[in-house]
PDB file of N, CA and C in Angstrom:
ATOM      1  N   MET A   1     278.159  90.675  35.324  1.00  0.00           N
ATOM      2  CA  MET A   1     277.034  90.749  36.224  1.00  0.00           C
ATOM      3  C   MET A   1     276.791  89.370  36.830  1.00  0.00           C
ATOM      4  N   ARG A   2     276.599  89.315  38.095  1.00  0.00           N
ATOM      5  CA  ARG A   2     276.352  88.071  38.808  1.00  0.00           C
ATOM      6  C   ARG A   2     274.901  87.634  38.603  1.00  0.00           C
ATOM      7  N   PRO A   3     274.666  86.357  38.308  1.00  0.00           N
ATOM      8  CA  PRO A   3     273.279  85.900  38.120  1.00  0.00           C
ATOM      9  C   PRO A   3     272.508  85.980  39.433  1.00  0.00           C
ATOM     10  N   SER A   4     271.193  86.138  39.339  1.00  0.00           N
ATOM     11  CA  SER A   4     270.362  86.234  40.536  1.00  0.00           C
ATOM     12  C   SER A   4     269.765  84.895  40.935  1.00  0.00           C
ATOM     13  N   VAL A   5     269.650  83.964  39.990  1.00  0.00           N
ATOM     14  CA  VAL A   5     269.006  82.675  40.254  1.00  0.00           C
ATOM     15  C   VAL A   5     269.836  81.568  39.630  1.00  0.00           C
ATOM     16  N   ARG A   6     269.969  80.475  40.343  1.00  0.00           N
ATOM     17  CA  ARG A   6     270.533  79.251  39.776  1.00  0.00           C
ATOM     18  C   ARG A   6     269.371  78.295  39.638  1.00  0.00           C
ATOM     19  N   SER A   7     269.250  77.672  38.483  1.00  0.00           N
ATOM     20  CA  SER A   7     268.119  76.781  38.281  1.00  0.00           C
ATOM     21  C   SER A   7     268.482  75.708  37.269  1.00  0.00           C
ATOM     22  N   GLY A   8     267.659  74.675  37.240  1.00  0.00           N
ATOM     23  CA  GLY A   8     267.856  73.617  36.273  1.00  0.00           C
ATOM     24  C   GLY A   8     266.943  72.447  36.538  1.00  0.00           C
ATOM     25  N   TRP A   9     266.892  71.561  35.570  1.00  0.00           N
ATOM     26  CA  TRP A   9     266.188  70.309  35.814  1.00  0.00           C
ATOM     27  C   TRP A   9     267.170  69.197  35.592  1.00  0.00           C
ATOM     28  N   ALA A  10     266.991  68.166  36.389  1.00  0.00           N
ATOM     29  CA  ALA A  10     267.964  67.073  36.398  1.00  0.00           C
ATOM     30  C   ALA A  10     267.970  66.337  35.071  1.00  0.00           C
ATOM     31  N   ALA A  11     269.159  66.035  34.606  1.00  0.00           N
ATOM     32  CA  ALA A  11     269.278  65.292  33.352  1.00  0.00           C
ATOM     33  C   ALA A  11     268.805  63.860  33.532  1.00  0.00           C
ATOM     34  N   GLY A  12     269.084  63.282  34.678  1.00  0.00           N
ATOM     35  CA  GLY A  12     268.612  61.937  34.963  1.00  0.00           C
ATOM     36  C   GLY A  12     267.197  61.974  35.506  1.00  0.00           C
ATOM     37  N   ARG A  13     266.455  60.989  35.206  1.00  0.00           N
ATOM     38  CA  ARG A  13     265.068  60.953  35.666  1.00  0.00           C
ATOM     39  C   ARG A  13     264.955  60.083  36.906  1.00  0.00           C
ATOM     40  N   THR A  14     264.030  60.482  37.812  1.00  0.00           N
ATOM     41  CA  THR A  14     263.840  59.708  39.027  1.00  0.00           C
ATOM     42  C   THR A  14     263.067  58.429  38.731  1.00  0.00           C
ATOM     43  N   GLN A  15     262.235  58.475  37.755  1.00  0.00           N
ATOM     44  CA  GLN A  15     261.473  57.317  37.290  1.00  0.00           C
ATOM     45  C   GLN A  15     261.043  57.632  35.864  1.00  0.00           C
ATOM     46  N   GLU A  16     260.437  56.693  35.208  1.00  0.00           N
ATOM     47  CA  GLU A  16     260.005  56.882  33.820  1.00  0.00           C
ATOM     48  C   GLU A  16     259.231  58.189  33.658  1.00  0.00           C
ATOM     49  N   GLY A  17     259.773  59.108  32.865  1.00  0.00           N
ATOM     50  CA  GLY A  17     259.066  60.330  32.519  1.00  0.00           C
ATOM     51  C   GLY A  17     259.061  61.424  33.557  1.00  0.00           C
ATOM     52  N   THR A  18     259.863  61.337  34.607  1.00  0.00           N
ATOM     53  CA  THR A  18     259.879  62.345  35.665  1.00  0.00           C
ATOM     54  C   THR A  18     261.237  63.038  35.712  1.00  0.00           C
ATOM     55  N   VAL A  19     261.216  64.366  35.719  1.00  0.00           N
ATOM     56  CA  VAL A  19     262.441  65.131  35.920  1.00  0.00           C
ATOM     57  C   VAL A  19     262.316  65.946  37.201  1.00  0.00           C
ATOM     58  N   LEU A  20     263.452  66.215  37.824  1.00  0.00           N
ATOM     59  CA  LEU A  20     263.488  67.000  39.053  1.00  0.00           C
ATOM     60  C   LEU A  20     263.803  68.453  38.745  1.00  0.00           C
ATOM     61  N   LEU A  21     263.034  69.349  39.312  1.00  0.00           N
ATOM     62  CA  LEU A  21     263.233  70.778  39.155  1.00  0.00           C
ATOM     63  C   LEU A  21     263.952  71.307  40.390  1.00  0.00           C
ATOM     64  N   GLY A  22     264.963  72.125  40.172  1.00  0.00           N
ATOM     65  CA  GLY A  22     265.665  72.718  41.298  1.00  0.00           C
ATOM     66  C   GLY A  22     266.068  74.145  41.002  1.00  0.00           C
ATOM     67  N   TYR A  23     266.135  74.961  42.045  1.00  0.00           N
ATOM     68  CA  TYR A  23     266.554  76.344  41.889  1.00  0.00           C
ATOM     69  C   TYR A  23     266.978  76.889  43.242  1.00  0.00           C
ATOM     70  N   SER A  24     267.748  77.948  43.201  1.00  0.00           N
ATOM     71  CA  SER A  24     268.078  78.705  44.406  1.00  0.00           C
ATOM     72  C   SER A  24     268.232  80.159  43.991  1.00  0.00           C
ATOM     73  N   VAL A  25     267.989  81.055  44.920  1.00  0.00           N
ATOM     74  CA  VAL A  25     268.043  82.481  44.643  1.00  0.00           C
ATOM     75  C   VAL A  25     269.038  83.122  45.610  1.00  0.00           C
ATOM     76  N   TYR A  26     269.915  83.944  45.089  1.00  0.00           N
ATOM     77  CA  TYR A  26     270.821  84.676  45.956  1.00  0.00           C
ATOM     78  C   TYR A  26     269.999  85.598  46.855  1.00  0.00           C
ATOM     79  N   PRO A  27     270.357  85.704  48.129  1.00  0.00           N
ATOM     80  CA  PRO A  27     269.559  86.497  49.082  1.00  0.00           C
ATOM     81  C   PRO A  27     269.228  87.916  48.615  1.00  0.00           C
ATOM     82  N   ALA A  28     270.131  88.573  47.960  1.00  0.00           N
ATOM     83  CA  ALA A  28     269.876  89.947  47.518  1.00  0.00           C
ATOM     84  C   ALA A  28     268.756  90.039  46.478  1.00  0.00           C
ATOM     85  N   PHE A  29     268.389  88.914  45.881  1.00  0.00           N
ATOM     86  CA  PHE A  29     267.382  88.913  44.821  1.00  0.00           C
ATOM     87  C   PHE A  29     266.095  88.203  45.218  1.00  0.00           C
ATOM     88  N   GLU A  30     265.989  87.797  46.472  1.00  0.00           N
ATOM     89  CA  GLU A  30     264.778  87.098  46.925  1.00  0.00           C
ATOM     90  C   GLU A  30     263.571  88.030  46.893  1.00  0.00           C
ATOM     91  N   GLY A  31     262.397  87.434  46.687  1.00  0.00           N
ATOM     92  CA  GLY A  31     261.156  88.188  46.735  1.00  0.00           C
ATOM     93  C   GLY A  31     260.857  89.027  45.510  1.00  0.00           C
ATOM     94  N   ARG A  32     261.551  88.785  44.420  1.00  0.00           N
ATOM     95  CA  ARG A  32     261.340  89.571  43.198  1.00  0.00           C
ATOM     96  C   ARG A  32     260.686  88.767  42.074  1.00  0.00           C
ATOM     97  N   GLY A  33     260.331  87.526  42.346  1.00  0.00           N
ATOM     98  CA  GLY A  33     259.671  86.707  41.333  1.00  0.00           C
ATOM     99  C   GLY A  33     260.608  85.954  40.411  1.00  0.00           C
ATOM    100  N   TYR A  34     261.922  86.067  40.643  1.00  0.00           N
ATOM    101  CA  TYR A  34     262.873  85.402  39.760  1.00  0.00           C
ATOM    102  C   TYR A  34     262.767  83.880  39.833  1.00  0.00           C
ATOM    103  N   ALA A  35     262.579  83.348  41.026  1.00  0.00           N
ATOM    104  CA  ALA A  35     262.469  81.890  41.159  1.00  0.00           C
ATOM    105  C   ALA A  35     261.240  81.377  40.426  1.00  0.00           C
ATOM    106  N   THR A  36     260.130  82.092  40.561  1.00  0.00           N
ATOM    107  CA  THR A  36     258.906  81.680  39.869  1.00  0.00           C
ATOM    108  C   THR A  36     259.109  81.730  38.359  1.00  0.00           C
ATOM    109  N   GLU A  37     259.716  82.806  37.878  1.00  0.00           N
ATOM    110  CA  GLU A  37     259.946  82.947  36.439  1.00  0.00           C
ATOM    111  C   GLU A  37     260.861  81.839  35.919  1.00  0.00           C
ATOM    112  N   ALA A  38     261.948  81.587  36.627  1.00  0.00           N
ATOM    113  CA  ALA A  38     262.891  80.549  36.194  1.00  0.00           C
ATOM    114  C   ALA A  38     262.252  79.164  36.273  1.00  0.00           C
ATOM    115  N   ALA A  39     261.563  78.879  37.362  1.00  0.00           N
ATOM    116  CA  ALA A  39     260.944  77.563  37.533  1.00  0.00           C
ATOM    117  C   ALA A  39     259.856  77.330  36.486  1.00  0.00           C
ATOM    118  N   ARG A  40     259.075  78.366  36.199  1.00  0.00           N
ATOM    119  CA  ARG A  40     258.024  78.235  35.178  1.00  0.00           C
ATOM    120  C   ARG A  40     258.632  77.932  33.810  1.00  0.00           C
ATOM    121  N   ALA A  41     259.703  78.640  33.454  1.00  0.00           N
ATOM    122  CA  ALA A  41     260.353  78.413  32.160  1.00  0.00           C
ATOM    123  C   ALA A  41     260.972  77.014  32.097  1.00  0.00           C
ATOM    124  N   LEU A  42     261.614  76.594  33.171  1.00  0.00           N
ATOM    125  CA  LEU A  42     262.231  75.265  33.191  1.00  0.00           C
ATOM    126  C   LEU A  42     261.187  74.164  33.113  1.00  0.00           C
ATOM    127  N   ALA A  43     260.097  74.317  33.864  1.00  0.00           N
ATOM    128  CA  ALA A  43     259.040  73.300  33.835  1.00  0.00           C
ATOM    129  C   ALA A  43     258.436  73.206  32.440  1.00  0.00           C
ATOM    130  N   ALA A  44     258.181  74.358  31.821  1.00  0.00           N
ATOM    131  CA  ALA A  44     257.622  74.354  30.462  1.00  0.00           C
ATOM    132  C   ALA A  44     258.581  73.684  29.486  1.00  0.00           C
ATOM    133  N   SER A  45     259.861  73.998  29.604  1.00  0.00           N
ATOM    134  CA  SER A  45     260.860  73.398  28.725  1.00  0.00           C
ATOM    135  C   SER A  45     260.923  71.886  28.912  1.00  0.00           C
ATOM    136  N   ALA A  46     260.915  71.452  30.164  1.00  0.00           N
ATOM    137  CA  ALA A  46     260.970  70.015  30.442  1.00  0.00           C
ATOM    138  C   ALA A  46     259.742  69.310  29.872  1.00  0.00           C
ATOM    139  N   LEU A  47     258.567  69.909  30.075  1.00  0.00           N
ATOM    140  CA  LEU A  47     257.330  69.262  29.633  1.00  0.00           C
ATOM    141  C   LEU A  47     257.163  69.271  28.120  1.00  0.00           C
ATOM    142  N   GLU A  48     257.978  70.053  27.419  1.00  0.00           N
ATOM    143  CA  GLU A  48     257.968  70.019  25.955  1.00  0.00           C
ATOM    144  C   GLU A  48     258.687  68.785  25.415  1.00  0.00           C
ATOM    145  N   GLN A  49     259.480  68.140  26.245  1.00  0.00           N
ATOM    146  CA  GLN A  49     260.210  66.939  25.833  1.00  0.00           C
ATOM    147  C   GLN A  49     259.212  65.781  25.717  1.00  0.00           C
ATOM    148  N   ALA A  50     259.270  65.063  24.640  1.00  0.00           N
ATOM    149  CA  ALA A  50     258.289  64.008  24.364  1.00  0.00           C
ATOM    150  C   ALA A  50     258.247  62.926  25.433  1.00  0.00           C
ATOM    151  N   ASP A  51     259.376  62.663  26.070  1.00  0.00           N
ATOM    152  CA  ASP A  51     259.415  61.575  27.048  1.00  0.00           C
ATOM    153  C   ASP A  51     259.212  62.036  28.490  1.00  0.00           C
ATOM    154  N   VAL A  52     258.885  63.316  28.694  1.00  0.00           N
ATOM    155  CA  VAL A  52     258.670  63.831  30.047  1.00  0.00           C
ATOM    156  C   VAL A  52     257.173  63.909  30.328  1.00  0.00           C
ATOM    157  N   LEU A  53     256.747  63.219  31.367  1.00  0.00           N
ATOM    158  CA  LEU A  53     255.343  63.196  31.765  1.00  0.00           C
ATOM    159  C   LEU A  53     255.053  64.142  32.910  1.00  0.00           C
ATOM    160  N   ARG A  54     256.082  64.388  33.757  1.00  0.00           N
ATOM    161  CA  ARG A  54     255.861  65.223  34.933  1.00  0.00           C
ATOM    162  C   ARG A  54     257.164  65.862  35.379  1.00  0.00           C
ATOM    163  N   VAL A  55     257.006  67.003  36.043  1.00  0.00           N
ATOM    164  CA  VAL A  55     258.121  67.702  36.673  1.00  0.00           C
ATOM    165  C   VAL A  55     257.875  67.629  38.171  1.00  0.00           C
ATOM    166  N   ARG A  56     258.906  67.266  38.905  1.00  0.00           N
ATOM    167  CA  ARG A  56     258.780  67.077  40.355  1.00  0.00           C
ATOM    168  C   ARG A  56     259.714  68.037  41.079  1.00  0.00           C
ATOM    169  N   ALA A  57     259.243  68.541  42.220  1.00  0.00           N
ATOM    170  CA  ALA A  57     260.062  69.352  43.113  1.00  0.00           C
ATOM    171  C   ALA A  57     259.897  68.806  44.519  1.00  0.00           C
ATOM    172  N   THR A  58     260.983  68.775  45.267  1.00  0.00           N
ATOM    173  CA  THR A  58     260.927  68.372  46.679  1.00  0.00           C
ATOM    174  C   THR A  58     261.307  69.591  47.500  1.00  0.00           C
ATOM    175  N   ILE A  59     260.428  69.965  48.438  1.00  0.00           N
ATOM    176  CA  ILE A  59     260.580  71.220  49.169  1.00  0.00           C
ATOM    177  C   ILE A  59     260.457  70.960  50.671  1.00  0.00           C
ATOM    178  N   PRO A  60     261.395  71.455  51.473  1.00  0.00           N
ATOM    179  CA  PRO A  60     261.250  71.340  52.924  1.00  0.00           C
ATOM    180  C   PRO A  60     259.972  72.046  53.368  1.00  0.00           C
ATOM    181  N   PRO A  61     259.219  71.451  54.293  1.00  0.00           N
ATOM    182  CA  PRO A  61     257.923  72.008  54.680  1.00  0.00           C
ATOM    183  C   PRO A  61     257.992  73.398  55.305  1.00  0.00           C
ATOM    184  N   ASP A  62     259.148  73.793  55.804  1.00  0.00           N
ATOM    185  CA  ASP A  62     259.274  75.113  56.425  1.00  0.00           C
ATOM    186  C   ASP A  62     259.853  76.165  55.482  1.00  0.00           C
ATOM    187  N   HIS A  63     259.977  75.839  54.192  1.00  0.00           N
ATOM    188  CA  HIS A  63     260.537  76.796  53.239  1.00  0.00           C
ATOM    189  C   HIS A  63     259.413  77.465  52.456  1.00  0.00           C
ATOM    190  N   ALA A  64     258.792  78.462  53.105  1.00  0.00           N
ATOM    191  CA  ALA A  64     257.616  79.138  52.548  1.00  0.00           C
ATOM    192  C   ALA A  64     257.826  79.716  51.154  1.00  0.00           C
ATOM    193  N   PRO A  65     258.963  80.355  50.854  1.00  0.00           N
ATOM    194  CA  PRO A  65     259.111  80.907  49.501  1.00  0.00           C
ATOM    195  C   PRO A  65     259.013  79.843  48.406  1.00  0.00           C
ATOM    196  N   SER A  66     259.630  78.693  48.611  1.00  0.00           N
ATOM    197  CA  SER A  66     259.552  77.634  47.599  1.00  0.00           C
ATOM    198  C   SER A  66     258.169  77.014  47.538  1.00  0.00           C
ATOM    199  N   LEU A  67     257.481  76.946  48.653  1.00  0.00           N
ATOM    200  CA  LEU A  67     256.097  76.456  48.649  1.00  0.00           C
ATOM    201  C   LEU A  67     255.222  77.394  47.821  1.00  0.00           C
ATOM    202  N   ARG A  68     255.478  78.708  47.923  1.00  0.00           N
ATOM    203  CA  ARG A  68     254.718  79.678  47.120  1.00  0.00           C
ATOM    204  C   ARG A  68     255.028  79.511  45.628  1.00  0.00           C
ATOM    205  N   VAL A  69     256.286  79.264  45.292  1.00  0.00           N
ATOM    206  CA  VAL A  69     256.645  79.047  43.887  1.00  0.00           C
ATOM    207  C   VAL A  69     255.889  77.843  43.340  1.00  0.00           C
ATOM    208  N   ALA A  70     255.879  76.749  44.092  1.00  0.00           N
ATOM    209  CA  ALA A  70     255.163  75.542  43.647  1.00  0.00           C
ATOM    210  C   ALA A  70     253.683  75.846  43.425  1.00  0.00           C
ATOM    211  N   ALA A  71     253.081  76.608  44.337  1.00  0.00           N
ATOM    212  CA  ALA A  71     251.664  76.962  44.197  1.00  0.00           C
ATOM    213  C   ALA A  71     251.435  77.812  42.957  1.00  0.00           C
ATOM    214  N   LYS A  72     252.313  78.785  42.711  1.00  0.00           N
ATOM    215  CA  LYS A  72     252.165  79.658  41.543  1.00  0.00           C
ATOM    216  C   LYS A  72     252.294  78.884  40.238  1.00  0.00           C
ATOM    217  N   LEU A  73     253.083  77.814  40.251  1.00  0.00           N
ATOM    218  CA  LEU A  73     253.248  76.994  39.052  1.00  0.00           C
ATOM    219  C   LEU A  73     252.090  76.027  38.856  1.00  0.00           C
ATOM    220  N   GLY A  74     251.236  75.899  39.850  1.00  0.00           N
ATOM    221  CA  GLY A  74     250.130  74.963  39.761  1.00  0.00           C
ATOM    222  C   GLY A  74     250.528  73.540  40.107  1.00  0.00           C
ATOM    223  N   MET A  75     251.663  73.392  40.791  1.00  0.00           N
ATOM    224  CA  MET A  75     252.116  72.055  41.186  1.00  0.00           C
ATOM    225  C   MET A  75     251.197  71.528  42.286  1.00  0.00           C
ATOM    226  N   ARG A  76     250.982  70.229  42.262  1.00  0.00           N
ATOM    227  CA  ARG A  76     250.135  69.591  43.266  1.00  0.00           C
ATOM    228  C   ARG A  76     250.982  68.778  44.222  1.00  0.00           C
ATOM    229  N   GLN A  77     250.630  68.869  45.497  1.00  0.00           N
ATOM    230  CA  GLN A  77     251.317  68.080  46.511  1.00  0.00           C
ATOM    231  C   GLN A  77     250.930  66.621  46.341  1.00  0.00           C
ATOM    232  N   VAL A  78     251.938  65.746  46.234  1.00  0.00           N
ATOM    233  CA  VAL A  78     251.662  64.327  46.034  1.00  0.00           C
ATOM    234  C   VAL A  78     252.116  63.464  47.205  1.00  0.00           C
ATOM    235  N   GLY A  79     252.791  64.061  48.174  1.00  0.00           N
ATOM    236  CA  GLY A  79     253.153  63.280  49.343  1.00  0.00           C
ATOM    237  C   GLY A  79     254.429  63.741  50.007  1.00  0.00           C
ATOM    238  N   PRO A  80     254.714  63.145  51.150  1.00  0.00           N
ATOM    239  CA  PRO A  80     255.960  63.440  51.851  1.00  0.00           C
ATOM    240  C   PRO A  80     257.075  62.507  51.382  1.00  0.00           C
ATOM    241  N   ALA A  81     258.303  62.906  51.670  1.00  0.00           N
ATOM    242  CA  ALA A  81     259.463  62.065  51.382  1.00  0.00           C
ATOM    243  C   ALA A  81     260.579  62.497  52.318  1.00  0.00           C
ATOM    244  N   HIS A  82     261.659  61.749  52.284  1.00  0.00           N
ATOM    245  CA  HIS A  82     262.835  62.117  53.065  1.00  0.00           C
ATOM    246  C   HIS A  82     264.008  62.265  52.110  1.00  0.00           C
ATOM    247  N   ASP A  83     264.657  63.398  52.172  1.00  0.00           N
ATOM    248  CA  ASP A  83     265.819  63.679  51.348  1.00  0.00           C
ATOM    249  C   ASP A  83     267.046  63.561  52.245  1.00  0.00           C
ATOM    250  N   GLY A  84     268.025  62.778  51.825  1.00  0.00           N
ATOM    251  CA  GLY A  84     269.219  62.549  52.624  1.00  0.00           C
ATOM    252  C   GLY A  84     270.009  63.803  52.931  1.00  0.00           C
ATOM    253  N   GLU A  85     269.884  64.832  52.092  1.00  0.00           N
ATOM    254  CA  GLU A  85     270.634  66.067  52.311  1.00  0.00           C
ATOM    255  C   GLU A  85     269.897  67.085  53.160  1.00  0.00           C
ATOM    256  N   VAL A  86     268.581  67.212  52.966  1.00  0.00           N
ATOM    257  CA  VAL A  86     267.836  68.271  53.662  1.00  0.00           C
ATOM    258  C   VAL A  86     266.821  67.764  54.667  1.00  0.00           C
ATOM    259  N   GLY A  87     266.593  66.469  54.714  1.00  0.00           N
ATOM    260  CA  GLY A  87     265.625  65.913  55.672  1.00  0.00           C
ATOM    261  C   GLY A  87     264.259  65.728  55.049  1.00  0.00           C
ATOM    262  N   ASP A  88     263.224  65.944  55.841  1.00  0.00           N
ATOM    263  CA  ASP A  88     261.853  65.753  55.378  1.00  0.00           C
ATOM    264  C   ASP A  88     261.489  66.815  54.348  1.00  0.00           C
ATOM    265  N   VAL A  89     260.805  66.376  53.307  1.00  0.00           N
ATOM    266  CA  VAL A  89     260.371  67.271  52.237  1.00  0.00           C
ATOM    267  C   VAL A  89     258.941  66.924  51.836  1.00  0.00           C
ATOM    268  N   ILE A  90     258.327  67.874  51.142  1.00  0.00           N
ATOM    269  CA  ILE A  90     257.029  67.646  50.521  1.00  0.00           C
ATOM    270  C   ILE A  90     257.282  67.514  49.025  1.00  0.00           C
ATOM    271  N   VAL A  91     256.693  66.522  48.398  1.00  0.00           N
ATOM    272  CA  VAL A  91     256.868  66.282  46.967  1.00  0.00           C
ATOM    273  C   VAL A  91     255.714  66.943  46.214  1.00  0.00           C
ATOM    274  N   PHE A  92     256.081  67.751  45.223  1.00  0.00           N
ATOM    275  CA  PHE A  92     255.109  68.416  44.361  1.00  0.00           C
ATOM    276  C   PHE A  92     255.351  67.973  42.931  1.00  0.00           C
ATOM    277  N   GLU A  93     254.271  67.902  42.148  1.00  0.00           N
ATOM    278  CA  GLU A  93     254.402  67.531  40.736  1.00  0.00           C
ATOM    279  C   GLU A  93     253.528  68.413  39.860  1.00  0.00           C
ATOM    280  N   LEU A  94     254.020  68.606  38.651  1.00  0.00           N
ATOM    281  CA  LEU A  94     253.273  69.268  37.596  1.00  0.00           C
ATOM    282  C   LEU A  94     253.277  68.291  36.434  1.00  0.00           C
ATOM    283  N   GLN A  95     252.093  67.875  36.005  1.00  0.00           N
ATOM    284  CA  GLN A  95     252.010  66.900  34.923  1.00  0.00           C
ATOM    285  C   GLN A  95     251.856  67.577  33.579  1.00  0.00           C
ATOM    286  N   SER A  96     252.344  66.900  32.572  1.00  0.00           N
ATOM    287  CA  SER A  96     252.194  67.380  31.214  1.00  0.00           C
ATOM    288  C   SER A  96     250.714  67.429  30.863  1.00  0.00           C
ATOM    289  N   PRO A  97     250.246  68.525  30.260  1.00  0.00           N
ATOM    290  CA  PRO A  97     248.843  68.599  29.853  1.00  0.00           C
ATOM    291  C   PRO A  97     248.465  67.477  28.888  1.00  0.00           C
ATOM    292  N   ASP A  98     249.444  66.952  28.163  1.00  0.00           N
ATOM    293  CA  ASP A  98     249.181  65.863  27.226  1.00  0.00           C
ATOM    294  C   ASP A  98     248.954  64.530  27.931  1.00  0.00           C
ATOM    295  N   HIS A  99     249.273  64.463  29.228  1.00  0.00           N
ATOM    296  CA  HIS A  99     249.198  63.202  29.950  1.00  0.00           C
ATOM    297  C   HIS A  99     248.297  63.261  31.170  1.00  0.00           C
ATOM    298  N   THR A 100     247.397  64.232  31.220  1.00  0.00           N
ATOM    299  CA  THR A 100     246.462  64.340  32.326  1.00  0.00           C
ATOM    300  C   THR A 100     245.137  64.870  31.793  1.00  0.00           C
ATOM    301  N   THR A 101     244.059  64.570  32.477  1.00  0.00           N
ATOM    302  CA  THR A 101     242.751  65.058  32.056  1.00  0.00           C
ATOM    303  C   THR A 101     242.418  66.365  32.719  1.00  0.00           C
ATOM    304  N   GLU A 102     243.223  66.793  33.713  1.00  0.00           N
ATOM    305  CA  GLU A 102     242.962  68.038  34.404  1.00  0.00           C
ATOM    306  C   GLU A 102     243.776  69.159  33.786  1.00  0.00           C
ATOM    307  N   SER A 103     243.226  70.350  33.812  1.00  0.00           N
ATOM    308  CA  SER A 103     243.948  71.523  33.335  1.00  0.00           C
ATOM    309  C   SER A 103     244.751  72.086  34.493  1.00  0.00           C
ATOM    310  N   LEU A 104     246.074  72.188  34.310  1.00  0.00           N
ATOM    311  CA  LEU A 104     246.940  72.715  35.358  1.00  0.00           C
ATOM    312  C   LEU A 104     247.374  74.114  35.000  1.00  0.00           C
ATOM    313  N   ALA A 105     247.564  74.941  36.013  1.00  0.00           N
ATOM    314  CA  ALA A 105     247.988  76.324  35.804  1.00  0.00           C
ATOM    315  C   ALA A 105     249.366  76.375  35.172  1.00  0.00           C
ATOM    316  N   SER A 106     249.614  77.417  34.416  1.00  0.00           N
ATOM    317  CA  SER A 106     250.948  77.587  33.825  1.00  0.00           C
ATOM    318  C   SER A 106     251.583  78.839  34.367  1.00  0.00           C
TER     319      SER A 106
END
C-alpha cells in the first residue's frame, strides 16, 4: 500500500532547541486530515525531547491547506522569511508547554 503522507522533523536544528516540521500529502489523499494528524504527532514527539523548545514550520503564504494545518496545531505566526527553494514563506512556531507561560492548542 502506498503511503498517503510523507512527514518528518529535521534532525538538525535551525537554532538552539528548534526543529523544523515538514510534510507533504499525495493529491489523492488531500483534504482528509492526514497532514494534520501526522503534523500533530510529529510536533508532539519532537516536543517530548528534552532539548527541543519549539517546532517551526515555514509555509508559502498562498498554500491555504498548510496554513490551516498550522492553525489546527495552534502554531503562532512569528514572521516572514525567504526560503531559497520556495521563495517567500511565513514562519510558524509551536512552543513546548514546559517553556512558555501560554497554553497552546494540541
